[in-house]
């Protein structure tokens, strides 16, 4: 079974192949920050520390929210990412407040 190591929260969890990164974090208290869970807000942005080759392909929503530069730097949206092997992910606490503000603006604009 593949495992996800949530570097920032210090948890490691074994998952089924093709498990969604954000849903796994929610279910097992991995602590990845999120608001919408559907690729709209971008608050579930994580950096893949190790195991990028064990992820699903980058989705259009990720390119739209993160941009090609961030994706090349190893960032993904947890809600759009599925696991095929062992990975380690991290996120910065300093980003959470900024991302929450951006998310609220995007959610309000979509209504």
PDB file of N, CA and C in Angstrom:
ATOM      1  N   UNK A   1       0.838  -1.202   0.000  1.00  0.00           N
ATOM      2  CA  UNK A   1       0.000   0.000   0.000  1.00  0.00           C
ATOM      3  C   UNK A   1       0.874   1.253   0.000  1.00  0.00           C
ATOM      4  N   UNK A   2       0.486   2.243  -0.794  1.00  0.00           N
ATOM      5  CA  UNK A   2       1.223   3.510  -0.774  1.00  0.00           C
ATOM      6  C   UNK A   2       1.031   4.235   0.552  1.00  0.00           C
ATOM      7  N   UNK A   3       1.972   5.109   0.879  1.00  0.00           N
ATOM      8  CA  UNK A   3       1.820   5.919   2.084  1.00  0.00           C
ATOM      9  C   UNK A   3       1.982   7.397   1.736  1.00  0.00           C
ATOM     10  N   UNK A   4       1.272   8.223   2.498  1.00  0.00           N
ATOM     11  CA  UNK A   4       1.386   9.674   2.386  1.00  0.00           C
ATOM     12  C   UNK A   4       1.983  10.164   3.691  1.00  0.00           C
ATOM     13  N   UNK A   5       3.067  10.908   3.594  1.00  0.00           N
ATOM     14  CA  UNK A   5       3.644  11.557   4.768  1.00  0.00           C
ATOM     15  C   UNK A   5       3.293  13.033   4.685  1.00  0.00           C
ATOM     16  N   UNK A   6       2.542  13.497   5.670  1.00  0.00           N
ATOM     17  CA  UNK A   6       2.178  14.904   5.779  1.00  0.00           C
ATOM     18  C   UNK A   6       3.277  15.567   6.603  1.00  0.00           C
ATOM     19  N   UNK A   7       4.283  16.078   5.923  1.00  0.00           N
ATOM     20  CA  UNK A   7       5.482  16.621   6.564  1.00  0.00           C
ATOM     21  C   UNK A   7       5.144  17.701   7.595  1.00  0.00           C
ATOM     22  N   UNK A   8       4.259  18.604   7.251  1.00  0.00           N
ATOM     23  CA  UNK A   8       3.947  19.734   8.133  1.00  0.00           C
ATOM     24  C   UNK A   8       3.272  19.288   9.419  1.00  0.00           C
ATOM     25  N   UNK A   9       2.356  18.310   9.329  1.00  0.00           N
ATOM     26  CA  UNK A   9       1.657  17.858  10.536  1.00  0.00           C
ATOM     27  C   UNK A   9       2.329  16.652  11.179  1.00  0.00           C
ATOM     28  N   UNK A  10       3.299  16.029  10.478  1.00  0.00           N
ATOM     29  CA  UNK A  10       4.043  14.921  11.057  1.00  0.00           C
ATOM     30  C   UNK A  10       3.350  13.577  11.004  1.00  0.00           C
ATOM     31  N   UNK A  11       2.294  13.440  10.210  1.00  0.00           N
ATOM     32  CA  UNK A  11       1.578  12.161  10.126  1.00  0.00           C
ATOM     33  C   UNK A  11       1.982  11.394   8.879  1.00  0.00           C
ATOM     34  N   UNK A  12       2.001  10.069   8.998  1.00  0.00           N
ATOM     35  CA  UNK A  12       2.177   9.186   7.853  1.00  0.00           C
ATOM     36  C   UNK A  12       1.014   8.209   7.857  1.00  0.00           C
ATOM     37  N   UNK A  13       0.384   8.061   6.689  1.00  0.00           N
ATOM     38  CA  UNK A  13      -0.824   7.253   6.580  1.00  0.00           C
ATOM     39  C   UNK A  13      -0.703   6.334   5.378  1.00  0.00           C
ATOM     40  N   UNK A  14      -1.048   5.058   5.559  1.00  0.00           N
ATOM     41  CA  UNK A  14      -1.113   4.137   4.426  1.00  0.00           C
ATOM     42  C   UNK A  14      -2.473   4.305   3.768  1.00  0.00           C
ATOM     43  N   UNK A  15      -2.472   4.298   2.424  1.00  0.00           N
ATOM     44  CA  UNK A  15      -3.710   4.527   1.669  1.00  0.00           C
ATOM     45  C   UNK A  15      -3.836   3.509   0.549  1.00  0.00           C
ATOM     46  N   UNK A  16      -5.043   3.370   0.039  1.00  0.00           N
ATOM     47  CA  UNK A  16      -5.253   2.561  -1.148  1.00  0.00           C
ATOM     48  C   UNK A  16      -4.683   3.304  -2.353  1.00  0.00           C
ATOM     49  N   UNK A  17      -4.276   2.569  -3.361  1.00  0.00           N
ATOM     50  CA  UNK A  17      -3.806   3.191  -4.597  1.00  0.00           C
ATOM     51  C   UNK A  17      -4.938   4.034  -5.171  1.00  0.00           C
ATOM     52  N   UNK A  18      -4.604   5.183  -5.734  1.00  0.00           N
ATOM     53  CA  UNK A  18      -5.540   6.143  -6.324  1.00  0.00           C
ATOM     54  C   UNK A  18      -6.385   6.873  -5.279  1.00  0.00           C
ATOM     55  N   UNK A  19      -5.910   6.930  -4.035  1.00  0.00           N
ATOM     56  CA  UNK A  19      -6.597   7.717  -3.001  1.00  0.00           C
ATOM     57  C   UNK A  19      -6.409   9.203  -3.292  1.00  0.00           C
ATOM     58  N   UNK A  20      -7.435   9.985  -3.019  1.00  0.00           N
ATOM     59  CA  UNK A  20      -7.349  11.434  -3.194  1.00  0.00           C
ATOM     60  C   UNK A  20      -6.595  12.030  -2.010  1.00  0.00           C
ATOM     61  N   UNK A  21      -5.654  12.909  -2.300  1.00  0.00           N
ATOM     62  CA  UNK A  21      -4.795  13.486  -1.269  1.00  0.00           C
ATOM     63  C   UNK A  21      -5.586  14.300  -0.245  1.00  0.00           C
ATOM     64  N   UNK A  22      -6.484  15.162  -0.683  1.00  0.00           N
ATOM     65  CA  UNK A  22      -7.240  15.982   0.266  1.00  0.00           C
ATOM     66  C   UNK A  22      -8.212  15.138   1.083  1.00  0.00           C
ATOM     67  N   UNK A  23      -8.948  14.259   0.442  1.00  0.00           N
ATOM     68  CA  UNK A  23      -9.903  13.416   1.195  1.00  0.00           C
ATOM     69  C   UNK A  23      -9.179  12.581   2.249  1.00  0.00           C
ATOM     70  N   UNK A  24      -8.009  12.082   1.901  1.00  0.00           N
ATOM     71  CA  UNK A  24      -7.220  11.317   2.869  1.00  0.00           C
ATOM     72  C   UNK A  24      -6.805  12.199   4.035  1.00  0.00           C
ATOM     73  N   UNK A  25      -6.379  13.413   3.744  1.00  0.00           N
ATOM     74  CA  UNK A  25      -5.989  14.345   4.804  1.00  0.00           C
ATOM     75  C   UNK A  25      -7.161  14.633   5.733  1.00  0.00           C
ATOM     76  N   UNK A  26      -8.332  14.855   5.166  1.00  0.00           N
ATOM     77  CA  UNK A  26      -9.520  15.143   5.982  1.00  0.00           C
ATOM     78  C   UNK A  26      -9.872  13.928   6.839  1.00  0.00           C
ATOM     79  N   UNK A  27      -9.921  12.769   6.212  1.00  0.00           N
ATOM     80  CA  UNK A  27     -10.332  11.535   6.899  1.00  0.00           C
ATOM     81  C   UNK A  27      -9.382  11.153   8.035  1.00  0.00           C
ATOM     82  N   UNK A  28      -8.082  11.398   7.842  1.00  0.00           N
ATOM     83  CA  UNK A  28      -7.081  10.950   8.814  1.00  0.00           C
ATOM     84  C   UNK A  28      -6.384  12.103   9.530  1.00  0.00           C
ATOM     85  N   UNK A  29      -6.971  13.290   9.463  1.00  0.00           N
ATOM     86  CA  UNK A  29      -6.465  14.479  10.162  1.00  0.00           C
ATOM     87  C   UNK A  29      -5.013  14.794   9.794  1.00  0.00           C
ATOM     88  N   UNK A  30      -4.746  14.793   8.502  1.00  0.00           N
ATOM     89  CA  UNK A  30      -3.424  15.167   8.019  1.00  0.00           C
ATOM     90  C   UNK A  30      -3.187  16.666   8.067  1.00  0.00           C
ATOM     91  N   UNK A  31      -4.257  17.442   8.188  1.00  0.00           N
ATOM     92  CA  UNK A  31      -4.222  18.899   8.395  1.00  0.00           C
ATOM     93  C   UNK A  31      -3.903  19.743   7.170  1.00  0.00           C
ATOM     94  N   UNK A  32      -4.052  19.207   5.954  1.00  0.00           N
ATOM     95  CA  UNK A  32      -3.906  20.052   4.771  1.00  0.00           C
ATOM     96  C   UNK A  32      -5.027  21.091   4.818  1.00  0.00           C
ATOM     97  N   UNK A  33      -4.693  22.387   4.715  1.00  0.00           N
ATOM     98  CA  UNK A  33      -5.732  23.413   4.752  1.00  0.00           C
ATOM     99  C   UNK A  33      -6.609  23.348   3.506  1.00  0.00           C
ATOM    100  N   UNK A  34      -7.906  23.649   3.660  1.00  0.00           N
ATOM    101  CA  UNK A  34      -8.800  23.659   2.501  1.00  0.00           C
ATOM    102  C   UNK A  34     -10.054  24.461   2.815  1.00  0.00           C
ATOM    103  N   UNK A  35     -10.720  24.898   1.785  1.00  0.00           N
ATOM    104  CA  UNK A  35     -12.019  25.567   1.906  1.00  0.00           C
ATOM    105  C   UNK A  35     -13.066  24.842   1.083  1.00  0.00           C
ATOM    106  N   UNK A  36     -12.875  24.777  -0.255  1.00  0.00           N
ATOM    107  CA  UNK A  36     -13.946  24.280  -1.119  1.00  0.00           C
ATOM    108  C   UNK A  36     -13.844  22.790  -1.437  1.00  0.00           C
ATOM    109  N   UNK A  37     -12.646  22.261  -1.589  1.00  0.00           N
ATOM    110  CA  UNK A  37     -12.479  20.848  -1.912  1.00  0.00           C
ATOM    111  C   UNK A  37     -12.725  20.485  -3.364  1.00  0.00           C
ATOM    112  N   UNK A  38     -12.920  21.480  -4.225  1.00  0.00           N
ATOM    113  CA  UNK A  38     -13.242  21.185  -5.612  1.00  0.00           C
ATOM    114  C   UNK A  38     -12.374  21.866  -6.650  1.00  0.00           C
ATOM    115  N   UNK A  39     -11.231  22.426  -6.257  1.00  0.00           N
ATOM    116  CA  UNK A  39     -10.335  23.050  -7.215  1.00  0.00           C
ATOM    117  C   UNK A  39     -10.652  24.499  -7.526  1.00  0.00           C
ATOM    118  N   UNK A  40     -11.625  25.077  -6.834  1.00  0.00           N
ATOM    119  CA  UNK A  40     -12.025  26.453  -7.092  1.00  0.00           C
ATOM    120  C   UNK A  40     -11.163  27.464  -6.351  1.00  0.00           C
ATOM    121  N   UNK A  41     -10.863  27.197  -5.081  1.00  0.00           N
ATOM    122  CA  UNK A  41     -10.253  28.235  -4.242  1.00  0.00           C
ATOM    123  C   UNK A  41      -8.726  28.192  -4.162  1.00  0.00           C
ATOM    124  N   UNK A  42      -8.119  27.033  -4.268  1.00  0.00           N
ATOM    125  CA  UNK A  42      -6.666  26.933  -4.213  1.00  0.00           C
ATOM    126  C   UNK A  42      -6.063  26.840  -2.822  1.00  0.00           C
ATOM    127  N   UNK A  43      -6.880  26.770  -1.776  1.00  0.00           N
ATOM    128  CA  UNK A  43      -6.329  26.740  -0.419  1.00  0.00           C
ATOM    129  C   UNK A  43      -5.655  25.420  -0.070  1.00  0.00           C
ATOM    130  N   UNK A  44      -5.926  24.372  -0.812  1.00  0.00           N
ATOM    131  CA  UNK A  44      -5.311  23.067  -0.506  1.00  0.00           C
ATOM    132  C   UNK A  44      -3.980  22.882  -1.241  1.00  0.00           C
ATOM    133  N   UNK A  45      -3.359  23.977  -1.611  1.00  0.00           N
ATOM    134  CA  UNK A  45      -2.063  23.915  -2.296  1.00  0.00           C
ATOM    135  C   UNK A  45      -1.020  23.280  -1.372  1.00  0.00           C
ATOM    136  N   UNK A  46      -0.363  22.258  -1.881  1.00  0.00           N
ATOM    137  CA  UNK A  46       0.711  21.589  -1.141  1.00  0.00           C
ATOM    138  C   UNK A  46       1.934  21.506  -2.044  1.00  0.00           C
ATOM    139  N   UNK A  47       3.086  21.359  -1.403  1.00  0.00           N
ATOM    140  CA  UNK A  47       4.330  21.153  -2.140  1.00  0.00           C
ATOM    141  C   UNK A  47       4.696  19.683  -2.006  1.00  0.00           C
ATOM    142  N   UNK A  48       4.967  19.062  -3.129  1.00  0.00           N
ATOM    143  CA  UNK A  48       5.372  17.658  -3.116  1.00  0.00           C
ATOM    144  C   UNK A  48       6.862  17.613  -2.815  1.00  0.00           C
ATOM    145  N   UNK A  49       7.187  17.136  -1.623  1.00  0.00           N
ATOM    146  CA  UNK A  49       8.573  17.069  -1.168  1.00  0.00           C
ATOM    147  C   UNK A  49       9.275  15.876  -1.797  1.00  0.00           C
ATOM    148  N   UNK A  50       8.551  14.774  -1.913  1.00  0.00           N
ATOM    149  CA  UNK A  50       9.132  13.545  -2.449  1.00  0.00           C
ATOM    150  C   UNK A  50       8.016  12.706  -3.061  1.00  0.00           C
ATOM    151  N   UNK A  51       8.309  12.054  -4.173  1.00  0.00           N
ATOM    152  CA  UNK A  51       7.358  11.125  -4.773  1.00  0.00           C
ATOM    153  C   UNK A  51       6.469  11.708  -5.853  1.00  0.00           C
ATOM    154  N   UNK A  52       6.901  12.777  -6.480  1.00  0.00           N
ATOM    155  CA  UNK A  52       6.085  13.409  -7.513  1.00  0.00           C
ATOM    156  C   UNK A  52       5.708  12.425  -8.632  1.00  0.00           C
ATOM    157  N   UNK A  53       6.565  11.445  -8.862  1.00  0.00           N
ATOM    158  CA  UNK A  53       6.288  10.448  -9.897  1.00  0.00           C
ATOM    159  C   UNK A  53       5.141   9.515  -9.513  1.00  0.00           C
ATOM    160  N   UNK A  54       4.694   9.581  -8.266  1.00  0.00           N
ATOM    161  CA  UNK A  54       3.615   8.716  -7.785  1.00  0.00           C
ATOM    162  C   UNK A  54       2.287   9.450  -7.676  1.00  0.00           C
ATOM    163  N   UNK A  55       2.103  10.449  -8.527  1.00  0.00           N
ATOM    164  CA  UNK A  55       0.878  11.245  -8.496  1.00  0.00           C
ATOM    165  C   UNK A  55       0.149  11.167  -9.831  1.00  0.00           C
ATOM    166  N   UNK A  56      -1.145  11.448  -9.783  1.00  0.00           N
ATOM    167  CA  UNK A  56      -1.931  11.549 -11.003  1.00  0.00           C
ATOM    168  C   UNK A  56      -1.438  12.725 -11.833  1.00  0.00           C
ATOM    169  N   UNK A  57      -1.850  12.762 -13.094  1.00  0.00           N
ATOM    170  CA  UNK A  57      -1.418  13.863 -13.963  1.00  0.00           C
ATOM    171  C   UNK A  57      -2.022  15.177 -13.463  1.00  0.00           C
ATOM    172  N   UNK A  58      -1.355  16.264 -13.787  1.00  0.00           N
ATOM    173  CA  UNK A  58      -1.801  17.601 -13.392  1.00  0.00           C
ATOM    174  C   UNK A  58      -3.104  17.915 -14.128  1.00  0.00           C
ATOM    175  N   UNK A  59      -4.095  18.393 -13.367  1.00  0.00           N
ATOM    176  CA  UNK A  59      -5.408  18.714 -13.924  1.00  0.00           C
ATOM    177  C   UNK A  59      -5.454  20.172 -14.384  1.00  0.00           C
ATOM    178  N   UNK A  60      -6.374  20.473 -15.289  1.00  0.00           N
ATOM    179  CA  UNK A  60      -6.538  21.831 -15.802  1.00  0.00           C
ATOM    180  C   UNK A  60      -6.809  22.823 -14.669  1.00  0.00           C
ATOM    181  N   UNK A  61      -7.623  22.422 -13.687  1.00  0.00           N
ATOM    182  CA  UNK A  61      -7.913  23.306 -12.543  1.00  0.00           C
ATOM    183  C   UNK A  61      -6.638  23.697 -11.809  1.00  0.00           C
ATOM    184  N   UNK A  62      -5.684  22.771 -11.733  1.00  0.00           N
ATOM    185  CA  UNK A  62      -4.422  23.072 -11.059  1.00  0.00           C
ATOM    186  C   UNK A  62      -3.614  24.098 -11.850  1.00  0.00           C
ATOM    187  N   UNK A  63      -3.582  23.939 -13.142  1.00  0.00           N
ATOM    188  CA  UNK A  63      -2.868  24.906 -13.986  1.00  0.00           C
ATOM    189  C   UNK A  63      -3.523  26.281 -13.854  1.00  0.00           C
ATOM    190  N   UNK A  64      -4.863  26.322 -13.868  1.00  0.00           N
ATOM    191  CA  UNK A  64      -5.594  27.585 -13.748  1.00  0.00           C
ATOM    192  C   UNK A  64      -5.329  28.269 -12.408  1.00  0.00           C
ATOM    193  N   UNK A  65      -5.294  27.511 -11.319  1.00  0.00           N
ATOM    194  CA  UNK A  65      -5.149  28.090  -9.973  1.00  0.00           C
ATOM    195  C   UNK A  65      -3.698  28.343  -9.589  1.00  0.00           C
ATOM    196  N   UNK A  66      -2.813  27.444  -9.973  1.00  0.00           N
ATOM    197  CA  UNK A  66      -1.418  27.532  -9.527  1.00  0.00           C
ATOM    198  C   UNK A  66      -0.492  28.168 -10.557  1.00  0.00           C
ATOM    199  N   UNK A  67      -0.758  27.923 -11.805  1.00  0.00           N
ATOM    200  CA  UNK A  67       0.138  28.378 -12.860  1.00  0.00           C
ATOM    201  C   UNK A  67       1.250  27.366 -13.096  1.00  0.00           C
ATOM    202  N   UNK A  68       1.803  27.393 -14.275  1.00  0.00           N
ATOM    203  CA  UNK A  68       2.839  26.424 -14.667  1.00  0.00           C
ATOM    204  C   UNK A  68       4.095  26.520 -13.812  1.00  0.00           C
ATOM    205  N   UNK A  69       4.477  27.743 -13.425  1.00  0.00           N
ATOM    206  CA  UNK A  69       5.692  27.910 -12.618  1.00  0.00           C
ATOM    207  C   UNK A  69       5.588  27.172 -11.290  1.00  0.00           C
ATOM    208  N   UNK A  70       4.468  27.338 -10.582  1.00  0.00           N
ATOM    209  CA  UNK A  70       4.288  26.660  -9.280  1.00  0.00           C
ATOM    210  C   UNK A  70       4.242  25.146  -9.462  1.00  0.00           C
ATOM    211  N   UNK A  71       3.594  24.694 -10.507  1.00  0.00           N
ATOM    212  CA  UNK A  71       3.534  23.247 -10.749  1.00  0.00           C
ATOM    213  C   UNK A  71       4.939  22.706 -10.999  1.00  0.00           C
ATOM    214  N   UNK A  72       5.739  23.426 -11.768  1.00  0.00           N
ATOM    215  CA  UNK A  72       7.121  23.008 -12.017  1.00  0.00           C
ATOM    216  C   UNK A  72       7.950  23.006 -10.734  1.00  0.00           C
ATOM    217  N   UNK A  73       7.576  23.853  -9.764  1.00  0.00           N
ATOM    218  CA  UNK A  73       8.272  23.898  -8.474  1.00  0.00           C
ATOM    219  C   UNK A  73       7.797  22.799  -7.530  1.00  0.00           C
ATOM    220  N   UNK A  74       6.826  21.988  -7.965  1.00  0.00           N
ATOM    221  CA  UNK A  74       6.372  20.858  -7.165  1.00  0.00           C
ATOM    222  C   UNK A  74       5.079  21.085  -6.407  1.00  0.00           C
ATOM    223  N   UNK A  75       4.355  22.145  -6.719  1.00  0.00           N
ATOM    224  CA  UNK A  75       3.088  22.403  -6.033  1.00  0.00           C
ATOM    225  C   UNK A  75       1.944  21.713  -6.752  1.00  0.00           C
ATOM    226  N   UNK A  76       0.965  21.267  -5.972  1.00  0.00           N
ATOM    227  CA  UNK A  76      -0.254  20.646  -6.495  1.00  0.00           C
ATOM    228  C   UNK A  76      -1.429  21.075  -5.624  1.00  0.00           C
ATOM    229  N   UNK A  77      -2.641  20.904  -6.154  1.00  0.00           N
ATOM    230  CA  UNK A  77      -3.849  21.069  -5.349  1.00  0.00           C
ATOM    231  C   UNK A  77      -4.199  19.694  -4.801  1.00  0.00           C
ATOM    232  N   UNK A  78      -4.281  19.575  -3.497  1.00  0.00           N
ATOM    233  CA  UNK A  78      -4.553  18.271  -2.873  1.00  0.00           C
ATOM    234  C   UNK A  78      -5.891  17.703  -3.323  1.00  0.00           C
ATOM    235  N   UNK A  79      -6.881  18.562  -3.563  1.00  0.00           N
ATOM    236  CA  UNK A  79      -8.207  18.088  -3.960  1.00  0.00           C
ATOM    237  C   UNK A  79      -8.217  17.472  -5.354  1.00  0.00           C
ATOM    238  N   UNK A  80      -7.236  17.781  -6.172  1.00  0.00           N
ATOM    239  CA  UNK A  80      -7.176  17.302  -7.549  1.00  0.00           C
ATOM    240  C   UNK A  80      -6.118  16.218  -7.750  1.00  0.00           C
ATOM    241  N   UNK A  81      -5.458  15.797  -6.672  1.00  0.00           N
ATOM    242  CA  UNK A  81      -4.308  14.901  -6.772  1.00  0.00           C
ATOM    243  C   UNK A  81      -4.619  13.529  -6.196  1.00  0.00           C
ATOM    244  N   UNK A  82      -4.280  12.501  -6.956  1.00  0.00           N
ATOM    245  CA  UNK A  82      -4.484  11.119  -6.537  1.00  0.00           C
ATOM    246  C   UNK A  82      -3.131  10.432  -6.436  1.00  0.00           C
ATOM    247  N   UNK A  83      -3.009   9.509  -5.485  1.00  0.00           N
ATOM    248  CA  UNK A  83      -1.741   8.893  -5.105  1.00  0.00           C
ATOM    249  C   UNK A  83      -1.617   7.493  -5.710  1.00  0.00           C
ATOM    250  N   UNK A  84      -0.473   7.226  -6.341  1.00  0.00           N
ATOM    251  CA  UNK A  84      -0.229   5.882  -6.879  1.00  0.00           C
ATOM    252  C   UNK A  84       0.951   5.190  -6.198  1.00  0.00           C
ATOM    253  N   UNK A  85       1.676   5.920  -5.338  1.00  0.00           N
ATOM    254  CA  UNK A  85       2.822   5.373  -4.615  1.00  0.00           C
ATOM    255  C   UNK A  85       3.158   6.290  -3.451  1.00  0.00           C
ATOM    256  N   UNK A  86       4.267   6.031  -2.773  1.00  0.00           N
ATOM    257  CA  UNK A  86       4.644   6.813  -1.590  1.00  0.00           C
ATOM    258  C   UNK A  86       4.955   8.264  -1.948  1.00  0.00           C
ATOM    259  N   UNK A  87       4.388   9.196  -1.164  1.00  0.00           N
ATOM    260  CA  UNK A  87       4.650  10.625  -1.361  1.00  0.00           C
ATOM    261  C   UNK A  87       4.813  11.313  -0.008  1.00  0.00           C
ATOM    262  N   UNK A  88       5.516  12.440  -0.041  1.00  0.00           N
ATOM    263  CA  UNK A  88       5.636  13.331   1.118  1.00  0.00           C
ATOM    264  C   UNK A  88       5.189  14.705   0.661  1.00  0.00           C
ATOM    265  N   UNK A  89       4.275  15.311   1.424  1.00  0.00           N
ATOM    266  CA  UNK A  89       3.758  16.631   1.082  1.00  0.00           C
ATOM    267  C   UNK A  89       3.960  17.592   2.246  1.00  0.00           C
ATOM    268  N   UNK A  90       4.041  18.879   1.918  1.00  0.00           N
ATOM    269  CA  UNK A  90       4.198  19.918   2.938  1.00  0.00           C
ATOM    270  C   UNK A  90       3.415  21.148   2.502  1.00  0.00           C
ATOM    271  N   UNK A  91       3.126  22.007   3.442  1.00  0.00           N
ATOM    272  CA  UNK A  91       2.490  23.285   3.165  1.00  0.00           C
ATOM    273  C   UNK A  91       2.962  24.254   4.214  1.00  0.00           C
ATOM    274  N   UNK A  92       2.957  25.530   3.868  1.00  0.00           N
ATOM    275  CA  UNK A  92       3.442  26.534   4.796  1.00  0.00           C
ATOM    276  C   UNK A  92       2.319  27.188   5.572  1.00  0.00           C
ATOM    277  N   UNK A  93       2.452  27.238   6.869  1.00  0.00           N
ATOM    278  CA  UNK A  93       1.443  27.898   7.699  1.00  0.00           C
ATOM    279  C   UNK A  93       1.293  29.371   7.334  1.00  0.00           C
ATOM    280  N   UNK A  94       2.387  29.975   6.858  1.00  0.00           N
ATOM    281  CA  UNK A  94       2.329  31.389   6.488  1.00  0.00           C
ATOM    282  C   UNK A  94       1.405  31.614   5.300  1.00  0.00           C
ATOM    283  N   UNK A  95       1.163  30.573   4.505  1.00  0.00           N
ATOM    284  CA  UNK A  95       0.283  30.690   3.348  1.00  0.00           C
ATOM    285  C   UNK A  95      -1.191  30.629   3.710  1.00  0.00           C
ATOM    286  N   UNK A  96      -1.536  30.030   4.840  1.00  0.00           N
ATOM    287  CA  UNK A  96      -2.922  29.730   5.139  1.00  0.00           C
ATOM    288  C   UNK A  96      -3.793  30.988   5.179  1.00  0.00           C
ATOM    289  N   UNK A  97      -3.385  32.031   5.879  1.00  0.00           N
ATOM    290  CA  UNK A  97      -4.194  33.243   5.968  1.00  0.00           C
ATOM    291  C   UNK A  97      -4.368  33.890   4.595  1.00  0.00           C
ATOM    292  N   UNK A  98      -3.285  33.994   3.842  1.00  0.00           N
ATOM    293  CA  UNK A  98      -3.356  34.588   2.502  1.00  0.00           C
ATOM    294  C   UNK A  98      -4.271  33.765   1.603  1.00  0.00           C
ATOM    295  N   UNK A  99      -4.140  32.445   1.646  1.00  0.00           N
ATOM    296  CA  UNK A  99      -4.960  31.581   0.806  1.00  0.00           C
ATOM    297  C   UNK A  99      -6.427  31.639   1.204  1.00  0.00           C
ATOM    298  N   UNK A 100      -6.704  31.769   2.496  1.00  0.00           N
ATOM    299  CA  UNK A 100      -8.095  31.887   2.949  1.00  0.00           C
ATOM    300  C   UNK A 100      -8.754  33.139   2.384  1.00  0.00           C
ATOM    301  N   UNK A 101      -8.028  34.239   2.342  1.00  0.00           N
ATOM    302  CA  UNK A 101      -8.573  35.481   1.784  1.00  0.00           C
ATOM    303  C   UNK A 101      -8.850  35.327   0.292  1.00  0.00           C
ATOM    304  N   UNK A 102      -7.911  34.734  -0.424  1.00  0.00           N
ATOM    305  CA  UNK A 102      -8.095  34.501  -1.860  1.00  0.00           C
ATOM    306  C   UNK A 102      -9.288  33.579  -2.087  1.00  0.00           C
ATOM    307  N   UNK A 103      -9.379  32.521  -1.292  1.00  0.00           N
ATOM    308  CA  UNK A 103     -10.465  31.560  -1.436  1.00  0.00           C
ATOM    309  C   UNK A 103     -11.819  32.229  -1.234  1.00  0.00           C
ATOM    310  N   UNK A 104     -11.922  33.059  -0.228  1.00  0.00           N
ATOM    311  CA  UNK A 104     -13.201  33.708   0.050  1.00  0.00           C
ATOM    312  C   UNK A 104     -13.611  34.607  -1.109  1.00  0.00           C
ATOM    313  N   UNK A 105     -12.647  35.324  -1.686  1.00  0.00           N
ATOM    314  CA  UNK A 105     -12.947  36.190  -2.837  1.00  0.00           C
ATOM    315  C   UNK A 105     -13.427  35.337  -4.022  1.00  0.00           C
ATOM    316  N   UNK A 106     -12.777  34.218  -4.282  1.00  0.00           N
ATOM    317  CA  UNK A 106     -13.160  33.356  -5.409  1.00  0.00           C
ATOM    318  C   UNK A 106     -14.523  32.713  -5.189  1.00  0.00           C
ATOM    319  N   UNK A 107     -14.777  32.281  -3.968  1.00  0.00           N
ATOM    320  CA  UNK A 107     -16.062  31.652  -3.663  1.00  0.00           C
ATOM    321  C   UNK A 107     -17.173  32.691  -3.798  1.00  0.00           C
ATOM    322  N   UNK A 108     -16.951  33.896  -3.286  1.00  0.00           N
ATOM    323  CA  UNK A 108     -17.950  34.962  -3.394  1.00  0.00           C
ATOM    324  C   UNK A 108     -18.215  35.319  -4.854  1.00  0.00           C
ATOM    325  N   UNK A 109     -17.170  35.357  -5.670  1.00  0.00           N
ATOM    326  CA  UNK A 109     -17.315  35.709  -7.077  1.00  0.00           C
ATOM    327  C   UNK A 109     -18.088  34.645  -7.856  1.00  0.00           C
ATOM    328  N   UNK A 110     -17.990  33.395  -7.418  1.00  0.00           N
ATOM    329  CA  UNK A 110     -18.657  32.291  -8.116  1.00  0.00           C
ATOM    330  C   UNK A 110     -20.142  32.207  -7.776  1.00  0.00           C
ATOM    331  N   UNK A 111     -20.565  32.901  -6.750  1.00  0.00           N
ATOM    332  CA  UNK A 111     -21.977  32.799  -6.310  1.00  0.00           C
ATOM    333  C   UNK A 111     -22.869  33.714  -7.074  1.00  0.00           C
TER     334      UNK A 111
END
